[in-house]
């Protein structure tokens, strides 16, 4: 019986830690209903119930991947039309 309770304790702590880190890593626009600091307080104060509530009602869909910005392409002088026009 003690092993069973210990398993649920570890599972509860893991869920709380996961939801806390998930909330902390998200942008403010990806959260619903409360600001980020509000969700972090709910998760810490209410433990497992706060974590489940955040996972169900607080997240706004999946995380959007970071968009890689293309580096500006540098043209050598003989390929740059502006440079050739100024000759």
N, C-alpha and C. Protein backbone atom coordinates (compact mmCIF):
# COMPACT_ATOMS: atom_id res chain seq x y z
N UNK A 1 0.81 -1.20 0.00
CA UNK A 1 0.00 0.00 0.00
C UNK A 1 0.86 1.27 0.00
N UNK A 2 1.99 1.20 0.70
CA UNK A 2 2.88 2.36 0.77
C UNK A 2 3.49 2.64 -0.61
N UNK A 3 3.81 1.60 -1.35
CA UNK A 3 4.37 1.78 -2.69
C UNK A 3 3.35 2.44 -3.61
N UNK A 4 2.09 2.09 -3.45
CA UNK A 4 1.01 2.65 -4.26
C UNK A 4 0.86 4.14 -3.99
N UNK A 5 0.90 4.54 -2.71
CA UNK A 5 0.80 5.95 -2.35
C UNK A 5 2.04 6.72 -2.79
N UNK A 6 3.20 6.09 -2.68
CA UNK A 6 4.43 6.73 -3.13
C UNK A 6 4.43 6.97 -4.63
N UNK A 7 3.87 6.02 -5.38
CA UNK A 7 3.75 6.18 -6.83
C UNK A 7 2.89 7.39 -7.18
N UNK A 8 1.75 7.53 -6.48
CA UNK A 8 0.88 8.67 -6.76
C UNK A 8 1.50 9.99 -6.31
N UNK A 9 2.30 9.97 -5.27
CA UNK A 9 3.00 11.17 -4.83
C UNK A 9 4.01 11.61 -5.89
N UNK A 10 4.79 10.67 -6.40
CA UNK A 10 5.78 10.99 -7.44
C UNK A 10 5.07 11.45 -8.71
N UNK A 11 3.98 10.80 -9.08
CA UNK A 11 3.21 11.18 -10.26
C UNK A 11 2.64 12.60 -10.11
N UNK A 12 2.15 12.92 -8.93
CA UNK A 12 1.60 14.25 -8.66
C UNK A 12 2.69 15.31 -8.74
N UNK A 13 3.84 15.04 -8.17
CA UNK A 13 4.95 16.00 -8.24
C UNK A 13 5.45 16.19 -9.67
N UNK A 14 5.50 15.11 -10.43
CA UNK A 14 5.94 15.20 -11.82
C UNK A 14 4.95 16.03 -12.65
N UNK A 15 3.65 15.82 -12.43
CA UNK A 15 2.65 16.59 -13.15
C UNK A 15 2.72 18.06 -12.80
N UNK A 16 2.91 18.37 -11.52
CA UNK A 16 3.02 19.76 -11.09
C UNK A 16 4.27 20.41 -11.68
N UNK A 17 5.37 19.71 -11.66
CA UNK A 17 6.61 20.25 -12.22
C UNK A 17 6.49 20.46 -13.73
N UNK A 18 5.90 19.48 -14.43
CA UNK A 18 5.73 19.61 -15.87
C UNK A 18 4.86 20.82 -16.22
N UNK A 19 3.74 20.97 -15.55
CA UNK A 19 2.84 22.08 -15.88
C UNK A 19 3.46 23.43 -15.49
N UNK A 20 4.23 23.47 -14.41
CA UNK A 20 4.89 24.72 -14.02
C UNK A 20 5.91 25.15 -15.08
N UNK A 21 6.73 24.21 -15.52
CA UNK A 21 7.75 24.52 -16.54
C UNK A 21 7.09 24.86 -17.87
N UNK A 22 6.02 24.13 -18.22
CA UNK A 22 5.31 24.40 -19.47
C UNK A 22 4.73 25.80 -19.46
N UNK A 23 4.14 26.20 -18.35
CA UNK A 23 3.56 27.54 -18.24
C UNK A 23 4.65 28.60 -18.28
N UNK A 24 5.75 28.36 -17.61
CA UNK A 24 6.83 29.35 -17.56
C UNK A 24 7.48 29.53 -18.93
N UNK A 25 7.50 28.51 -19.76
CA UNK A 25 8.15 28.59 -21.06
C UNK A 25 7.25 29.19 -22.15
N UNK A 26 5.97 29.26 -21.91
CA UNK A 26 5.04 29.77 -22.93
C UNK A 26 5.01 31.29 -22.95
N UNK A 27 4.67 31.83 -24.12
CA UNK A 27 4.46 33.26 -24.27
C UNK A 27 3.09 33.62 -23.69
N UNK A 28 2.89 34.89 -23.39
CA UNK A 28 1.62 35.32 -22.80
C UNK A 28 0.44 35.13 -23.74
N UNK A 29 0.68 35.21 -25.04
CA UNK A 29 -0.42 35.06 -26.00
C UNK A 29 -0.87 33.61 -26.13
N UNK A 30 -0.09 32.66 -25.61
CA UNK A 30 -0.45 31.25 -25.70
C UNK A 30 -1.23 30.77 -24.48
N UNK A 31 -1.57 31.68 -23.57
CA UNK A 31 -2.31 31.32 -22.36
C UNK A 31 -3.69 31.94 -22.40
N UNK A 32 -4.66 31.22 -21.85
CA UNK A 32 -6.03 31.72 -21.80
C UNK A 32 -6.42 32.02 -20.36
N UNK A 33 -7.41 32.87 -20.20
CA UNK A 33 -8.10 33.17 -18.95
C UNK A 33 -7.30 33.97 -17.93
N UNK A 34 -6.04 33.66 -17.69
CA UNK A 34 -5.23 34.35 -16.70
C UNK A 34 -3.88 34.73 -17.30
N UNK A 35 -3.21 35.73 -16.72
CA UNK A 35 -1.84 36.00 -17.18
C UNK A 35 -0.90 34.91 -16.67
N UNK A 36 0.33 34.94 -17.16
CA UNK A 36 1.29 33.89 -16.83
C UNK A 36 1.51 33.79 -15.32
N UNK A 37 1.68 34.92 -14.63
CA UNK A 37 1.93 34.88 -13.20
C UNK A 37 0.74 34.30 -12.44
N UNK A 38 -0.47 34.51 -12.96
CA UNK A 38 -1.66 33.93 -12.33
C UNK A 38 -1.68 32.42 -12.45
N UNK A 39 -1.34 31.90 -13.61
CA UNK A 39 -1.30 30.45 -13.80
C UNK A 39 -0.21 29.82 -12.95
N UNK A 40 0.94 30.48 -12.84
CA UNK A 40 2.01 29.93 -12.01
C UNK A 40 1.58 29.86 -10.55
N UNK A 41 0.86 30.88 -10.08
CA UNK A 41 0.34 30.84 -8.70
C UNK A 41 -0.69 29.73 -8.51
N UNK A 42 -1.58 29.55 -9.48
CA UNK A 42 -2.58 28.48 -9.39
C UNK A 42 -1.90 27.12 -9.33
N UNK A 43 -0.89 26.92 -10.15
CA UNK A 43 -0.19 25.63 -10.18
C UNK A 43 0.51 25.37 -8.85
N UNK A 44 1.17 26.38 -8.30
CA UNK A 44 1.89 26.20 -7.04
C UNK A 44 0.94 26.03 -5.86
N UNK A 45 -0.10 26.86 -5.78
CA UNK A 45 -0.98 26.83 -4.62
C UNK A 45 -1.90 25.62 -4.59
N UNK A 46 -2.36 25.16 -5.73
CA UNK A 46 -3.33 24.07 -5.76
C UNK A 46 -2.75 22.73 -6.20
N UNK A 47 -1.45 22.69 -6.46
CA UNK A 47 -0.77 21.43 -6.75
C UNK A 47 -1.34 20.68 -7.94
N UNK A 48 -1.76 19.46 -7.69
CA UNK A 48 -2.24 18.59 -8.77
C UNK A 48 -3.50 19.14 -9.42
N UNK A 49 -4.43 19.65 -8.61
CA UNK A 49 -5.67 20.19 -9.18
C UNK A 49 -5.39 21.44 -10.02
N UNK A 50 -4.48 22.29 -9.57
CA UNK A 50 -4.10 23.46 -10.35
C UNK A 50 -3.41 23.08 -11.64
N UNK A 51 -2.60 22.02 -11.59
CA UNK A 51 -1.92 21.55 -12.79
C UNK A 51 -2.90 21.02 -13.83
N UNK A 52 -3.84 20.23 -13.37
CA UNK A 52 -4.85 19.68 -14.28
C UNK A 52 -5.70 20.81 -14.85
N UNK A 53 -6.07 21.78 -14.01
CA UNK A 53 -6.88 22.91 -14.48
C UNK A 53 -6.11 23.72 -15.51
N UNK A 54 -4.81 23.92 -15.29
CA UNK A 54 -4.00 24.64 -16.28
C UNK A 54 -3.92 23.87 -17.59
N UNK A 55 -3.68 22.57 -17.52
CA UNK A 55 -3.55 21.78 -18.75
C UNK A 55 -4.85 21.72 -19.54
N UNK A 56 -5.99 21.78 -18.85
CA UNK A 56 -7.28 21.71 -19.53
C UNK A 56 -7.73 23.09 -20.01
N UNK A 57 -7.65 24.10 -19.15
CA UNK A 57 -8.26 25.39 -19.46
C UNK A 57 -7.26 26.51 -19.75
N UNK A 58 -6.00 26.33 -19.43
CA UNK A 58 -5.07 27.44 -19.52
C UNK A 58 -4.27 27.53 -20.79
N UNK A 59 -4.03 26.40 -21.43
CA UNK A 59 -3.19 26.43 -22.62
C UNK A 59 -4.02 26.74 -23.86
N UNK A 60 -3.43 27.52 -24.74
CA UNK A 60 -4.10 27.90 -25.97
C UNK A 60 -3.49 27.13 -27.13
N UNK A 61 -3.80 25.85 -27.23
CA UNK A 61 -3.29 25.03 -28.31
C UNK A 61 -1.84 24.65 -28.11
N UNK A 62 -1.26 24.08 -29.14
CA UNK A 62 0.12 23.63 -29.07
C UNK A 62 1.06 24.81 -29.22
N UNK A 63 2.27 24.60 -28.77
CA UNK A 63 3.28 25.64 -28.95
C UNK A 63 3.58 25.83 -30.42
N UNK A 64 3.75 27.07 -30.79
CA UNK A 64 4.11 27.34 -32.17
C UNK A 64 5.63 27.27 -32.28
N UNK A 65 6.13 26.63 -33.30
CA UNK A 65 7.59 26.55 -33.44
C UNK A 65 8.18 27.92 -33.75
N UNK A 66 9.39 28.12 -33.32
CA UNK A 66 10.05 29.39 -33.60
C UNK A 66 10.35 29.48 -35.09
N UNK A 67 10.05 30.61 -35.66
CA UNK A 67 10.26 30.82 -37.09
C UNK A 67 11.70 31.26 -37.30
N UNK A 68 12.38 30.55 -38.15
CA UNK A 68 13.75 30.92 -38.47
C UNK A 68 13.71 32.02 -39.51
N UNK A 69 14.39 33.08 -39.20
CA UNK A 69 14.45 34.18 -40.15
C UNK A 69 15.58 33.94 -41.13
N UNK A 70 15.28 34.18 -42.38
CA UNK A 70 16.30 33.99 -43.41
C UNK A 70 17.33 35.11 -43.32
N UNK A 71 18.57 34.73 -43.44
CA UNK A 71 19.64 35.72 -43.41
C UNK A 71 19.59 36.50 -44.72
N UNK A 72 19.82 37.81 -44.64
CA UNK A 72 19.83 38.57 -45.89
C UNK A 72 20.99 38.11 -46.78
N UNK A 73 20.66 37.95 -48.02
CA UNK A 73 21.65 37.44 -48.98
C UNK A 73 22.54 38.58 -49.44
N UNK A 74 23.80 38.38 -49.32
CA UNK A 74 24.78 39.39 -49.74
C UNK A 74 25.21 39.05 -51.16
N UNK A 75 25.02 40.02 -52.05
CA UNK A 75 25.40 39.82 -53.45
C UNK A 75 26.79 40.40 -53.69
N UNK A 76 27.61 39.69 -54.43
CA UNK A 76 28.90 40.28 -54.81
C UNK A 76 28.65 41.43 -55.80
N UNK A 77 29.60 42.33 -55.91
CA UNK A 77 29.38 43.52 -56.75
C UNK A 77 29.00 43.22 -58.19
N UNK A 78 29.52 42.16 -58.79
CA UNK A 78 29.21 41.90 -60.19
C UNK A 78 27.81 41.32 -60.38
N UNK A 79 27.14 40.89 -59.31
CA UNK A 79 25.77 40.37 -59.40
C UNK A 79 24.73 41.36 -58.87
N UNK A 80 25.18 42.42 -58.26
CA UNK A 80 24.26 43.38 -57.64
C UNK A 80 23.82 44.40 -58.70
N UNK A 81 22.51 44.42 -59.04
CA UNK A 81 22.07 45.32 -60.08
C UNK A 81 22.20 46.80 -59.69
N UNK A 82 22.07 47.13 -58.43
CA UNK A 82 22.23 48.53 -58.01
C UNK A 82 23.67 48.99 -58.19
N UNK A 83 24.61 48.13 -57.88
CA UNK A 83 26.02 48.48 -58.05
C UNK A 83 26.35 48.66 -59.53
N UNK A 84 25.84 47.76 -60.37
CA UNK A 84 26.12 47.85 -61.81
C UNK A 84 25.48 49.08 -62.43
N UNK A 85 24.31 49.49 -61.92
CA UNK A 85 23.63 50.67 -62.44
C UNK A 85 24.44 51.94 -62.15
N UNK A 86 25.14 51.95 -61.01
CA UNK A 86 25.89 53.14 -60.61
C UNK A 86 27.24 53.25 -61.31
N UNK A 87 27.64 52.27 -62.10
CA UNK A 87 28.94 52.35 -62.79
C UNK A 87 28.95 53.33 -63.92
